[in-house]
Amino acid sequence: MRTIGLIGGMSWESSAEYYRIINQGVRARLGPTASASCLLWSFNFAEIEALQHKGDWDGLTARMTEAARMLEAGGAELLLICTNTMHRTAPAVEAAVKVPLVHIADPTAERIKAAGRRTVGLLGTAFTMEQEFYKGRLAESHGLDVVIPDAADRAEVHRIIYEELVAGRILDTSRDRYRAVIGRLVEAGAEAIILGCTEIMLLIGAQDSPVPVFDTTALHAQAAVERALAD
């Protein structure tokens, strides 16, 4: 089994889900007493959030590459960035280490294509929905057409993530708002919905959407298990 290095704490609410899903996956494959060989670097998300909203991506990249190097030095044999938004720094992280990085968009896109879907609605932080680092990978590497919410819906999806989900607040009113946003994405042509923030799975599931939902947290963690147990 390869040792998985997790760059987490962004937020710890979803990092806890990564730890659970990865260990459940290893136990399912190897037996009831088995668990994953893994290392976790957990950031103080308050510091990361402040840099995100300042637009200091150079500072964020420096922190992410430092974390990757420390995990590699500690024995990690593959890496995960346990958040969609911080995959903006993924090229720099890959360049900073010799071990492979499992990109969160790739297993998600592969599962969507396997399901025969091509036009996807993307939910996430404003950074993920609006910038090209994520949408571009889905389109250019995987041939998916990406639909995002309108400006008002993007602002509300982003607000709920940062004001509620990262703080562990799960509100029925916010679930209803997300359902309404999903409905409008489907009306705009979305054949599937990507939960493109690792906390959204705490609020929304398959039962909340008229089209299939693809949870990046679960798919990323499951891909890590596959890579760790390969060969």
C-alpha atoms as a PDB file:
ATOM      1  CA  MET A   1       0.000   0.000   0.000  1.00  0.00           C
ATOM      2  CA  ARG A   2       1.318   3.422  -0.928  1.00  0.00           C
ATOM      3  CA  THR A   3       1.224   6.157   1.692  1.00  0.00           C
ATOM      4  CA  ILE A   4      -1.262   8.894   0.827  1.00  0.00           C
ATOM      5  CA  GLY A   5      -0.328  12.503   1.614  1.00  0.00           C
ATOM      6  CA  LEU A   6      -3.340  14.728   2.277  1.00  0.00           C
ATOM      7  CA  ILE A   7      -3.057  18.519   2.053  1.00  0.00           C
ATOM      8  CA  GLY A   8      -6.099  19.364   4.146  1.00  0.00           C
ATOM      9  CA  GLY A   9      -7.671  21.718   6.601  1.00  0.00           C
ATOM     10  CA  MET A  10      -9.406  23.650   3.808  1.00  0.00           C
ATOM     11  CA  SER A  11     -11.674  23.163   5.659  1.00  0.00           C
ATOM     12  CA  TRP A  12     -11.243  20.417   8.230  1.00  0.00           C
ATOM     13  CA  GLU A  13     -14.962  19.631   7.843  1.00  0.00           C
ATOM     14  CA  SER A  14     -14.263  18.096   4.437  1.00  0.00           C
ATOM     15  CA  SER A  15     -10.818  16.767   5.402  1.00  0.00           C
ATOM     16  CA  ALA A  16     -12.562  14.595   7.990  1.00  0.00           C
ATOM     17  CA  GLU A  17     -14.701  13.203   5.170  1.00  0.00           C
ATOM     18  CA  TYR A  18     -11.583  12.395   3.139  1.00  0.00           C
ATOM     19  CA  TYR A  19     -10.132  10.481   6.074  1.00  0.00           C
ATOM     20  CA  ARG A  20     -13.374   8.548   6.574  1.00  0.00           C
ATOM     21  CA  ILE A  21     -13.915   7.692   2.898  1.00  0.00           C
ATOM     22  CA  ILE A  22     -10.300   6.658   2.313  1.00  0.00           C
ATOM     23  CA  ASN A  23     -10.215   4.389   5.340  1.00  0.00           C
ATOM     24  CA  GLN A  24     -13.584   2.875   4.523  1.00  0.00           C
ATOM     25  CA  GLY A  25     -12.330   2.171   1.015  1.00  0.00           C
ATOM     26  CA  VAL A  26      -9.176   0.452   2.242  1.00  0.00           C
ATOM     27  CA  ARG A  27     -11.150  -1.607   4.747  1.00  0.00           C
ATOM     28  CA  ALA A  28     -13.577  -2.698   2.022  1.00  0.00           C
ATOM     29  CA  ARG A  29     -10.673  -3.837  -0.155  1.00  0.00           C
ATOM     30  CA  LEU A  30      -8.325  -5.360   2.416  1.00  0.00           C
ATOM     31  CA  GLY A  31     -10.485  -6.531   5.300  1.00  0.00           C
ATOM     32  CA  PRO A  32     -12.152  -5.329   8.517  1.00  0.00           C
ATOM     33  CA  THR A  33      -8.995  -4.397  10.420  1.00  0.00           C
ATOM     34  CA  ALA A  34      -7.245  -2.654   7.517  1.00  0.00           C
ATOM     35  CA  SER A  35      -6.838   1.102   7.328  1.00  0.00           C
ATOM     36  CA  ALA A  36      -4.986   3.527   5.095  1.00  0.00           C
ATOM     37  CA  SER A  37      -1.342   4.475   5.368  1.00  0.00           C
ATOM     38  CA  CYS A  38      -1.636   8.249   5.208  1.00  0.00           C
ATOM     39  CA  LEU A  39      -0.172  11.550   6.323  1.00  0.00           C
ATOM     40  CA  LEU A  40      -2.177  14.760   6.814  1.00  0.00           C
ATOM     41  CA  TRP A  41      -0.950  18.326   6.637  1.00  0.00           C
ATOM     42  CA  SER A  42      -3.816  20.448   7.978  1.00  0.00           C
ATOM     43  CA  PHE A  43      -3.809  24.207   7.412  1.00  0.00           C
ATOM     44  CA  ASN A  44      -5.478  26.837   9.570  1.00  0.00           C
ATOM     45  CA  PHE A  45      -8.202  27.633   7.066  1.00  0.00           C
ATOM     46  CA  ALA A  46      -8.722  31.141   8.434  1.00  0.00           C
ATOM     47  CA  GLU A  47      -5.283  32.033   7.077  1.00  0.00           C
ATOM     48  CA  ILE A  48      -5.982  30.376   3.720  1.00  0.00           C
ATOM     49  CA  GLU A  49      -9.375  32.077   3.375  1.00  0.00           C
ATOM     50  CA  ALA A  50      -7.864  35.491   4.078  1.00  0.00           C
ATOM     51  CA  LEU A  51      -5.264  35.014   1.348  1.00  0.00           C
ATOM     52  CA  GLN A  52      -7.906  33.753  -1.094  1.00  0.00           C
ATOM     53  CA  HIS A  53     -10.093  36.803  -0.663  1.00  0.00           C
ATOM     54  CA  LYS A  54      -7.065  39.104  -0.884  1.00  0.00           C
ATOM     55  CA  GLY A  55      -6.187  37.447  -4.175  1.00  0.00           C
ATOM     56  CA  ASP A  56      -2.722  36.507  -2.898  1.00  0.00           C
ATOM     57  CA  TRP A  57      -2.305  33.391  -5.011  1.00  0.00           C
ATOM     58  CA  ASP A  58       1.479  33.647  -4.898  1.00  0.00           C
ATOM     59  CA  GLY A  59       1.336  33.406  -1.112  1.00  0.00           C
ATOM     60  CA  LEU A  60      -1.110  30.511  -1.308  1.00  0.00           C
ATOM     61  CA  THR A  61       1.054  28.684  -3.831  1.00  0.00           C
ATOM     62  CA  ALA A  62       4.085  29.043  -1.563  1.00  0.00           C
ATOM     63  CA  ARG A  63       2.173  27.495   1.327  1.00  0.00           C
ATOM     64  CA  MET A  64       0.819  24.651  -0.766  1.00  0.00           C
ATOM     65  CA  THR A  65       4.171  23.715  -2.258  1.00  0.00           C
ATOM     66  CA  GLU A  66       5.776  23.816   1.189  1.00  0.00           C
ATOM     67  CA  ALA A  67       3.096  21.442   2.515  1.00  0.00           C
ATOM     68  CA  ALA A  68       3.607  19.109  -0.452  1.00  0.00           C
ATOM     69  CA  ARG A  69       7.351  18.982   0.112  1.00  0.00           C
ATOM     70  CA  MET A  70       6.906  18.229   3.811  1.00  0.00           C
ATOM     71  CA  LEU A  71       4.502  15.385   3.069  1.00  0.00           C
ATOM     72  CA  GLU A  72       6.894  13.972   0.486  1.00  0.00           C
ATOM     73  CA  ALA A  73       9.767  14.227   2.964  1.00  0.00           C
ATOM     74  CA  GLY A  74       7.611  12.432   5.530  1.00  0.00           C
ATOM     75  CA  GLY A  75       7.096   9.470   3.234  1.00  0.00           C
ATOM     76  CA  ALA A  76       4.007  10.279   1.158  1.00  0.00           C
ATOM     77  CA  GLU A  77       4.006   8.391  -2.138  1.00  0.00           C
ATOM     78  CA  LEU A  78       1.079  10.217  -3.724  1.00  0.00           C
ATOM     79  CA  LEU A  79      -0.595  13.526  -2.904  1.00  0.00           C
ATOM     80  CA  LEU A  80      -4.114  14.916  -2.707  1.00  0.00           C
ATOM     81  CA  ILE A  81      -5.106  18.553  -2.384  1.00  0.00           C
ATOM     82  CA  CYS A  82      -8.291  18.132  -0.341  1.00  0.00           C
ATOM     83  CA  THR A  83     -10.158  21.074  -1.844  1.00  0.00           C
ATOM     84  CA  ASN A  84     -11.270  22.076  -5.323  1.00  0.00           C
ATOM     85  CA  THR A  85     -10.386  25.770  -5.099  1.00  0.00           C
ATOM     86  CA  MET A  86      -6.763  25.245  -4.160  1.00  0.00           C
ATOM     87  CA  HIS A  87      -6.237  23.175  -7.299  1.00  0.00           C
ATOM     88  CA  ARG A  88      -5.440  26.535  -8.822  1.00  0.00           C
ATOM     89  CA  THR A  89      -1.995  25.830  -7.332  1.00  0.00           C
ATOM     90  CA  ALA A  90      -1.850  22.239  -8.625  1.00  0.00           C
ATOM     91  CA  PRO A  91       0.699  22.843 -11.426  1.00  0.00           C
ATOM     92  CA  ALA A  92       3.142  24.402  -8.952  1.00  0.00           C
ATOM     93  CA  VAL A  93       2.571  21.610  -6.435  1.00  0.00           C
ATOM     94  CA  GLU A  94       3.241  18.974  -9.102  1.00  0.00           C
ATOM     95  CA  ALA A  95       6.429  20.737 -10.118  1.00  0.00           C
ATOM     96  CA  ALA A  96       7.643  20.954  -6.495  1.00  0.00           C
ATOM     97  CA  VAL A  97       7.628  17.208  -5.755  1.00  0.00           C
ATOM     98  CA  LYS A  98       8.546  13.914  -7.391  1.00  0.00           C
ATOM     99  CA  VAL A  99       5.513  11.938  -6.212  1.00  0.00           C
ATOM    100  CA  PRO A 100       2.279  12.032  -8.256  1.00  0.00           C
ATOM    101  CA  LEU A 101      -0.588  14.393  -7.513  1.00  0.00           C
ATOM    102  CA  VAL A 102      -4.103  13.010  -7.994  1.00  0.00           C
ATOM    103  CA  HIS A 103      -6.019  15.968  -9.466  1.00  0.00           C
ATOM    104  CA  ILE A 104      -9.568  16.259  -8.130  1.00  0.00           C
ATOM    105  CA  ALA A 105     -11.120  17.124 -11.498  1.00  0.00           C
ATOM    106  CA  ASP A 106      -9.879  13.987 -13.260  1.00  0.00           C
ATOM    107  CA  PRO A 107     -11.732  11.164 -11.451  1.00  0.00           C
ATOM    108  CA  THR A 108     -14.840  13.351 -11.413  1.00  0.00           C
ATOM    109  CA  ALA A 109     -14.694  13.940 -15.156  1.00  0.00           C
ATOM    110  CA  GLU A 110     -13.983  10.284 -15.893  1.00  0.00           C
ATOM    111  CA  ARG A 111     -17.034   9.196 -13.901  1.00  0.00           C
ATOM    112  CA  ILE A 112     -19.208  11.780 -15.658  1.00  0.00           C
ATOM    113  CA  LYS A 113     -18.071  10.580 -19.083  1.00  0.00           C
ATOM    114  CA  ALA A 114     -18.623   6.959 -18.090  1.00  0.00           C
ATOM    115  CA  ALA A 115     -22.205   7.913 -17.222  1.00  0.00           C
ATOM    116  CA  GLY A 116     -22.663   9.317 -20.720  1.00  0.00           C
ATOM    117  CA  ARG A 117     -23.004  12.963 -19.649  1.00  0.00           C
ATOM    118  CA  ARG A 118     -21.294  15.843 -21.391  1.00  0.00           C
ATOM    119  CA  THR A 119     -22.913  19.093 -20.203  1.00  0.00           C
ATOM    120  CA  VAL A 120     -22.352  19.639 -16.486  1.00  0.00           C
ATOM    121  CA  GLY A 121     -23.436  22.261 -13.992  1.00  0.00           C
ATOM    122  CA  LEU A 122     -20.647  23.341 -11.666  1.00  0.00           C
ATOM    123  CA  LEU A 123     -21.197  24.406  -8.052  1.00  0.00           C
ATOM    124  CA  GLY A 124     -18.297  25.623  -5.933  1.00  0.00           C
ATOM    125  CA  THR A 125     -16.631  28.701  -4.576  1.00  0.00           C
ATOM    126  CA  ALA A 126     -16.643  31.798  -6.757  1.00  0.00           C
ATOM    127  CA  PHE A 127     -12.975  31.074  -7.496  1.00  0.00           C
ATOM    128  CA  THR A 128     -13.782  27.601  -8.826  1.00  0.00           C
ATOM    129  CA  MET A 129     -16.885  28.618 -10.757  1.00  0.00           C
ATOM    130  CA  GLU A 130     -15.459  31.763 -12.323  1.00  0.00           C
ATOM    131  CA  GLN A 131     -11.758  31.119 -12.925  1.00  0.00           C
ATOM    132  CA  GLU A 132     -10.405  28.900 -15.678  1.00  0.00           C
ATOM    133  CA  PHE A 133      -8.097  26.573 -13.728  1.00  0.00           C
ATOM    134  CA  TYR A 134     -10.959  24.130 -13.052  1.00  0.00           C
ATOM    135  CA  LYS A 135     -13.460  24.699 -15.861  1.00  0.00           C
ATOM    136  CA  GLY A 136     -10.600  24.720 -18.336  1.00  0.00           C
ATOM    137  CA  ARG A 137      -9.353  21.303 -17.225  1.00  0.00           C
ATOM    138  CA  LEU A 138     -12.849  19.836 -17.501  1.00  0.00           C
ATOM    139  CA  ALA A 139     -13.227  21.251 -21.006  1.00  0.00           C
ATOM    140  CA  GLU A 140      -9.740  20.878 -22.454  1.00  0.00           C
ATOM    141  CA  SER A 141      -8.649  17.588 -20.881  1.00  0.00           C
ATOM    142  CA  HIS A 142     -12.031  15.845 -20.780  1.00  0.00           C
ATOM    143  CA  GLY A 143     -14.246  17.466 -23.413  1.00  0.00           C
ATOM    144  CA  LEU A 144     -17.002  18.507 -21.004  1.00  0.00           C
ATOM    145  CA  ASP A 145     -19.221  21.542 -21.493  1.00  0.00           C
ATOM    146  CA  VAL A 146     -19.478  23.450 -18.216  1.00  0.00           C
ATOM    147  CA  VAL A 147     -22.474  25.550 -17.167  1.00  0.00           C
ATOM    148  CA  ILE A 148     -22.170  27.829 -14.132  1.00  0.00           C
ATOM    149  CA  PRO A 149     -24.877  29.688 -12.194  1.00  0.00           C
ATOM    150  CA  ASP A 150     -25.637  33.340 -12.875  1.00  0.00           C
ATOM    151  CA  ALA A 151     -23.939  36.050 -10.821  1.00  0.00           C
ATOM    152  CA  ALA A 152     -26.550  36.189  -8.056  1.00  0.00           C
ATOM    153  CA  ASP A 153     -26.621  32.417  -7.666  1.00  0.00           C
ATOM    154  CA  ARG A 154     -22.815  32.222  -7.686  1.00  0.00           C
ATOM    155  CA  ALA A 155     -22.669  34.775  -4.876  1.00  0.00           C
ATOM    156  CA  GLU A 156     -25.161  32.803  -2.787  1.00  0.00           C
ATOM    157  CA  VAL A 157     -23.463  29.447  -3.383  1.00  0.00           C
ATOM    158  CA  HIS A 158     -20.130  31.029  -2.375  1.00  0.00           C
ATOM    159  CA  ARG A 159     -21.603  32.715   0.714  1.00  0.00           C
ATOM    160  CA  ILE A 160     -23.112  29.494   2.012  1.00  0.00           C
ATOM    161  CA  ILE A 161     -19.788  27.695   1.654  1.00  0.00           C
ATOM    162  CA  TYR A 162     -17.761  30.292   3.544  1.00  0.00           C
ATOM    163  CA  GLU A 163     -20.302  31.419   6.123  1.00  0.00           C
ATOM    164  CA  GLU A 164     -21.917  28.071   6.882  1.00  0.00           C
ATOM    165  CA  LEU A 165     -20.432  24.853   5.531  1.00  0.00           C
ATOM    166  CA  VAL A 166     -16.807  25.424   6.521  1.00  0.00           C
ATOM    167  CA  ALA A 167     -18.122  26.242  10.006  1.00  0.00           C
ATOM    168  CA  GLY A 168     -20.119  23.012  10.185  1.00  0.00           C
ATOM    169  CA  ARG A 169     -23.485  24.790   9.874  1.00  0.00           C
ATOM    170  CA  ILE A 170     -25.942  22.714   7.810  1.00  0.00           C
ATOM    171  CA  LEU A 171     -29.173  24.633   7.266  1.00  0.00           C
ATOM    172  CA  ASP A 172     -32.352  23.459   5.557  1.00  0.00           C
ATOM    173  CA  THR A 173     -32.893  26.940   4.121  1.00  0.00           C
ATOM    174  CA  SER A 174     -29.509  26.776   2.403  1.00  0.00           C
ATOM    175  CA  ARG A 175     -30.273  23.310   1.067  1.00  0.00           C
ATOM    176  CA  ASP A 176     -33.425  24.740  -0.491  1.00  0.00           C
ATOM    177  CA  ARG A 177     -31.380  27.545  -2.068  1.00  0.00           C
ATOM    178  CA  TYR A 178     -28.935  25.055  -3.564  1.00  0.00           C
ATOM    179  CA  ARG A 179     -31.804  22.964  -4.905  1.00  0.00           C
ATOM    180  CA  ALA A 180     -33.169  26.059  -6.630  1.00  0.00           C
ATOM    181  CA  VAL A 181     -29.759  26.833  -8.159  1.00  0.00           C
ATOM    182  CA  ILE A 182     -29.473  23.237  -9.371  1.00  0.00           C
ATOM    183  CA  GLY A 183     -32.919  23.529 -10.946  1.00  0.00           C
ATOM    184  CA  ARG A 184     -31.852  26.616 -12.873  1.00  0.00           C
ATOM    185  CA  LEU A 185     -28.668  24.873 -14.061  1.00  0.00           C
ATOM    186  CA  VAL A 186     -30.748  21.976 -15.339  1.00  0.00           C
ATOM    187  CA  GLU A 187     -33.027  24.431 -17.147  1.00  0.00           C
ATOM    188  CA  ALA A 188     -29.862  25.864 -18.737  1.00  0.00           C
ATOM    189  CA  GLY A 189     -28.959  22.442 -20.117  1.00  0.00           C
ATOM    190  CA  ALA A 190     -26.955  20.707 -17.369  1.00  0.00           C
ATOM    191  CA  GLU A 191     -27.188  16.921 -17.608  1.00  0.00           C
ATOM    192  CA  ALA A 192     -25.307  16.406 -14.354  1.00  0.00           C
ATOM    193  CA  ILE A 193     -24.152  18.485 -11.380  1.00  0.00           C
ATOM    194  CA  ILE A 194     -20.602  18.627 -10.040  1.00  0.00           C
ATOM    195  CA  LEU A 195     -20.345  19.338  -6.315  1.00  0.00           C
ATOM    196  CA  GLY A 196     -17.157  21.289  -6.970  1.00  0.00           C
ATOM    197  CA  CYS A 197     -16.440  22.287  -3.397  1.00  0.00           C
ATOM    198  CA  THR A 198     -15.510  19.562  -0.953  1.00  0.00           C
ATOM    199  CA  GLU A 199     -17.956  20.849   1.692  1.00  0.00           C
ATOM    200  CA  ILE A 200     -21.050  20.853  -0.538  1.00  0.00           C
ATOM    201  CA  MET A 201     -21.524  17.116  -0.012  1.00  0.00           C
ATOM    202  CA  LEU A 202     -22.322  17.941   3.624  1.00  0.00           C
ATOM    203  CA  LEU A 203     -25.438  19.778   2.397  1.00  0.00           C
ATOM    204  CA  ILE A 204     -26.495  18.291  -0.945  1.00  0.00           C
ATOM    205  CA  GLY A 205     -26.865  14.746  -2.233  1.00  0.00           C
ATOM    206  CA  ALA A 206     -28.409  12.818  -5.095  1.00  0.00           C
ATOM    207  CA  GLN A 207     -31.867  13.258  -3.619  1.00  0.00           C
ATOM    208  CA  ASP A 208     -31.624  17.032  -4.084  1.00  0.00           C
ATOM    209  CA  SER A 209     -31.149  17.035  -7.845  1.00  0.00           C
ATOM    210  CA  PRO A 210     -33.271  15.941 -10.830  1.00  0.00           C
ATOM    211  CA  VAL A 211     -30.054  14.940 -12.661  1.00  0.00           C
ATOM    212  CA  PRO A 212     -27.089  12.869 -11.425  1.00  0.00           C
ATOM    213  CA  VAL A 213     -24.813  14.474  -8.839  1.00  0.00           C
ATOM    214  CA  PHE A 214     -21.049  13.896  -8.834  1.00  0.00           C
ATOM    215  CA  ASP A 215     -19.430  14.455  -5.442  1.00  0.00           C
ATOM    216  CA  THR A 216     -15.802  15.484  -5.917  1.00  0.00           C
ATOM    217  CA  THR A 217     -14.901  14.673  -2.308  1.00  0.00           C
ATOM    218  CA  ALA A 218     -15.959  11.045  -2.544  1.00  0.00           C
ATOM    219  CA  LEU A 219     -14.626  10.532  -6.072  1.00  0.00           C
ATOM    220  CA  HIS A 220     -11.246  12.072  -5.216  1.00  0.00           C
ATOM    221  CA  ALA A 221     -10.884   9.994  -2.054  1.00  0.00           C
ATOM    222  CA  GLN A 222     -11.886   6.820  -3.884  1.00  0.00           C
ATOM    223  CA  ALA A 223      -9.337   7.544  -6.617  1.00  0.00           C
ATOM    224  CA  ALA A 224      -6.671   7.868  -3.929  1.00  0.00           C
ATOM    225  CA  VAL A 225      -7.549   4.424  -2.608  1.00  0.00           C
ATOM    226  CA  GLU A 226      -7.278   2.963  -6.105  1.00  0.00           C
ATOM    227  CA  ARG A 227      -3.853   4.558  -6.630  1.00  0.00           C
ATOM    228  CA  ALA A 228      -2.605   3.562  -3.183  1.00  0.00           C
ATOM    229  CA  LEU A 229      -3.575  -0.073  -3.701  1.00  0.00           C
ATOM    230  CA  ALA A 230      -2.550  -0.399  -7.353  1.00  0.00           C
ATOM    231  CA  ASP A 231       0.049  -3.050  -8.230  1.00  0.00           C
END
